[in-house]
Amino acid sequence: KAAAREAKAAKRQGGDAHAAAAAKPCQGCGAASDLLVRCQTAESAGSWVMLCGKCWRSASGGVVDGDAAHPHYRYGGLWKSAARRRGDALPPELRALDVGS
């Protein structure tokens, strides 16, 4: 019973294996991330893609609503892993996108 309790506590605290399982791949670079931005770009041909912070910055110009250099960019929300929703801090470039968490 004590071992089961310890395993449950370790899972809640988010070990490396649990964190890796909670991450999803970026559709731009393929890197695993616990925070992805849903958006449309000129390259995505109107379909929604999930991008990590690095790919999002190049797709949007680093601006939530895009800019003149990225006229086909459209923001569609954030996906956060359960570990991220439990209170991990957001990177500064995505803090402006974090509405209602």
C-alpha atoms as a PDB file:
ATOM      1  CA  LYS A   1       0.000   0.000   0.000  1.00  0.00           C
ATOM      2  CA  ALA A   2       2.853   2.402   0.814  1.00  0.00           C
ATOM      3  CA  ALA A   3       4.556   1.640  -2.512  1.00  0.00           C
ATOM      4  CA  ALA A   4       1.373   2.448  -4.414  1.00  0.00           C
ATOM      5  CA  ARG A   5       1.042   5.719  -2.497  1.00  0.00           C
ATOM      6  CA  GLU A   6       4.679   6.653  -3.312  1.00  0.00           C
ATOM      7  CA  ALA A   7       4.191   5.825  -7.000  1.00  0.00           C
ATOM      8  CA  LYS A   8       1.086   7.986  -7.127  1.00  0.00           C
ATOM      9  CA  ALA A   9       2.946  10.877  -5.447  1.00  0.00           C
ATOM     10  CA  ALA A  10       5.844  10.547  -7.913  1.00  0.00           C
ATOM     11  CA  LYS A  11       3.409  10.640 -10.831  1.00  0.00           C
ATOM     12  CA  ARG A  12       1.769  13.799  -9.429  1.00  0.00           C
ATOM     13  CA  GLN A  13       5.162  15.462  -9.082  1.00  0.00           C
ATOM     14  CA  GLY A  14       5.873  14.648 -12.708  1.00  0.00           C
ATOM     15  CA  GLY A  15       8.932  12.528 -13.221  1.00  0.00           C
ATOM     16  CA  ASP A  16      10.872  12.712 -16.496  1.00  0.00           C
ATOM     17  CA  ALA A  17       9.019   9.772 -18.061  1.00  0.00           C
ATOM     18  CA  HIS A  18       5.653  11.257 -17.134  1.00  0.00           C
ATOM     19  CA  ALA A  19       6.631  14.681 -18.532  1.00  0.00           C
ATOM     20  CA  ALA A  20       7.808  13.132 -21.799  1.00  0.00           C
ATOM     21  CA  ALA A  21       4.536  11.229 -22.130  1.00  0.00           C
ATOM     22  CA  ALA A  22       2.558  14.445 -21.586  1.00  0.00           C
ATOM     23  CA  ALA A  23       4.380  16.348 -24.338  1.00  0.00           C
ATOM     24  CA  LYS A  24       3.172  16.490 -27.954  1.00  0.00           C
ATOM     25  CA  PRO A  25       5.287  17.015 -31.087  1.00  0.00           C
ATOM     26  CA  CYS A  26       5.440  20.403 -32.804  1.00  0.00           C
ATOM     27  CA  GLN A  27       4.139  20.165 -36.385  1.00  0.00           C
ATOM     28  CA  GLY A  28       6.847  22.586 -37.509  1.00  0.00           C
ATOM     29  CA  CYS A  29      10.057  21.052 -36.163  1.00  0.00           C
ATOM     30  CA  GLY A  30       8.875  17.834 -34.501  1.00  0.00           C
ATOM     31  CA  ALA A  31      10.271  18.719 -31.066  1.00  0.00           C
ATOM     32  CA  ALA A  32       8.261  17.501 -28.073  1.00  0.00           C
ATOM     33  CA  SER A  33       6.654  20.367 -26.149  1.00  0.00           C
ATOM     34  CA  ASP A  34       4.271  20.757 -23.221  1.00  0.00           C
ATOM     35  CA  LEU A  35       2.911  24.004 -24.672  1.00  0.00           C
ATOM     36  CA  LEU A  36       1.795  24.388 -28.309  1.00  0.00           C
ATOM     37  CA  VAL A  37       0.117  27.261 -30.147  1.00  0.00           C
ATOM     38  CA  ARG A  38      -2.740  26.370 -32.507  1.00  0.00           C
ATOM     39  CA  CYS A  39      -2.616  28.586 -35.589  1.00  0.00           C
ATOM     40  CA  GLN A  40      -3.039  28.876 -39.336  1.00  0.00           C
ATOM     41  CA  THR A  41      -0.224  30.084 -41.585  1.00  0.00           C
ATOM     42  CA  ALA A  42       0.305  30.558 -45.293  1.00  0.00           C
ATOM     43  CA  GLU A  43       2.332  27.312 -45.323  1.00  0.00           C
ATOM     44  CA  SER A  44      -0.467  25.327 -43.629  1.00  0.00           C
ATOM     45  CA  ALA A  45      -2.874  26.089 -46.520  1.00  0.00           C
ATOM     46  CA  GLY A  46      -5.758  26.970 -44.219  1.00  0.00           C
ATOM     47  CA  SER A  47      -5.466  23.962 -41.934  1.00  0.00           C
ATOM     48  CA  TRP A  48      -4.727  24.367 -38.230  1.00  0.00           C
ATOM     49  CA  VAL A  49      -1.255  23.402 -37.024  1.00  0.00           C
ATOM     50  CA  MET A  50       0.245  23.059 -33.544  1.00  0.00           C
ATOM     51  CA  LEU A  51       3.569  24.905 -33.187  1.00  0.00           C
ATOM     52  CA  CYS A  52       6.122  25.174 -30.386  1.00  0.00           C
ATOM     53  CA  GLY A  53       7.245  28.605 -29.190  1.00  0.00           C
ATOM     54  CA  LYS A  54      10.233  28.757 -31.555  1.00  0.00           C
ATOM     55  CA  CYS A  55       8.200  27.834 -34.643  1.00  0.00           C
ATOM     56  CA  TRP A  56       5.323  30.091 -33.525  1.00  0.00           C
ATOM     57  CA  ARG A  57       7.684  33.076 -33.344  1.00  0.00           C
ATOM     58  CA  SER A  58       8.785  32.578 -36.955  1.00  0.00           C
ATOM     59  CA  ALA A  59       5.208  31.909 -38.161  1.00  0.00           C
ATOM     60  CA  SER A  60       3.662  34.966 -36.473  1.00  0.00           C
ATOM     61  CA  GLY A  61       6.553  37.378 -36.255  1.00  0.00           C
ATOM     62  CA  GLY A  62       6.334  37.097 -32.459  1.00  0.00           C
ATOM     63  CA  VAL A  63       3.050  39.037 -32.400  1.00  0.00           C
ATOM     64  CA  VAL A  64      -0.166  37.400 -31.164  1.00  0.00           C
ATOM     65  CA  ASP A  65      -2.277  38.691 -34.073  1.00  0.00           C
ATOM     66  CA  GLY A  66       0.549  38.557 -36.605  1.00  0.00           C
ATOM     67  CA  ASP A  67       1.928  41.616 -38.391  1.00  0.00           C
ATOM     68  CA  ALA A  68       2.193  43.082 -41.885  1.00  0.00           C
ATOM     69  CA  ALA A  69       4.961  40.630 -42.757  1.00  0.00           C
ATOM     70  CA  HIS A  70       2.700  37.671 -41.787  1.00  0.00           C
ATOM     71  CA  PRO A  71      -0.757  38.517 -43.226  1.00  0.00           C
ATOM     72  CA  HIS A  72      -1.968  34.886 -43.402  1.00  0.00           C
ATOM     73  CA  TYR A  73      -1.221  34.096 -39.747  1.00  0.00           C
ATOM     74  CA  ARG A  74      -4.243  33.388 -37.534  1.00  0.00           C
ATOM     75  CA  TYR A  75      -4.112  32.542 -33.808  1.00  0.00           C
ATOM     76  CA  GLY A  76      -6.309  29.684 -32.599  1.00  0.00           C
ATOM     77  CA  GLY A  77      -5.460  29.077 -28.936  1.00  0.00           C
ATOM     78  CA  LEU A  78      -3.034  27.158 -26.737  1.00  0.00           C
ATOM     79  CA  TRP A  79      -2.670  23.501 -25.871  1.00  0.00           C
ATOM     80  CA  LYS A  80      -1.066  22.841 -22.491  1.00  0.00           C
ATOM     81  CA  SER A  81      -0.113  19.498 -20.991  1.00  0.00           C
ATOM     82  CA  ALA A  82      -1.623  18.601 -17.639  1.00  0.00           C
ATOM     83  CA  ALA A  83       1.734  19.338 -15.986  1.00  0.00           C
ATOM     84  CA  ARG A  84       1.748  22.804 -17.537  1.00  0.00           C
ATOM     85  CA  ARG A  85      -1.844  23.456 -16.414  1.00  0.00           C
ATOM     86  CA  ARG A  86      -0.904  22.535 -12.844  1.00  0.00           C
ATOM     87  CA  GLY A  87       1.195  25.691 -12.623  1.00  0.00           C
ATOM     88  CA  ASP A  88       4.442  25.595 -14.563  1.00  0.00           C
ATOM     89  CA  ALA A  89       5.479  29.111 -15.600  1.00  0.00           C
ATOM     90  CA  LEU A  90       5.029  30.158 -19.227  1.00  0.00           C
ATOM     91  CA  PRO A  91       7.934  31.406 -21.335  1.00  0.00           C
ATOM     92  CA  PRO A  92       7.861  35.236 -21.643  1.00  0.00           C
ATOM     93  CA  GLU A  93       7.120  35.217 -25.390  1.00  0.00           C
ATOM     94  CA  LEU A  94       3.920  33.233 -24.821  1.00  0.00           C
ATOM     95  CA  ARG A  95       2.759  34.897 -21.604  1.00  0.00           C
ATOM     96  CA  ALA A  96       0.600  37.343 -23.624  1.00  0.00           C
ATOM     97  CA  LEU A  97      -1.183  34.382 -25.248  1.00  0.00           C
ATOM     98  CA  ASP A  98      -2.086  32.749 -21.931  1.00  0.00           C
ATOM     99  CA  VAL A  99      -5.653  33.925 -21.461  1.00  0.00           C
ATOM    100  CA  GLY A 100      -7.950  32.409 -18.884  1.00  0.00           C
ATOM    101  CA  SER A 101      -5.632  29.870 -17.306  1.00  0.00           C
END
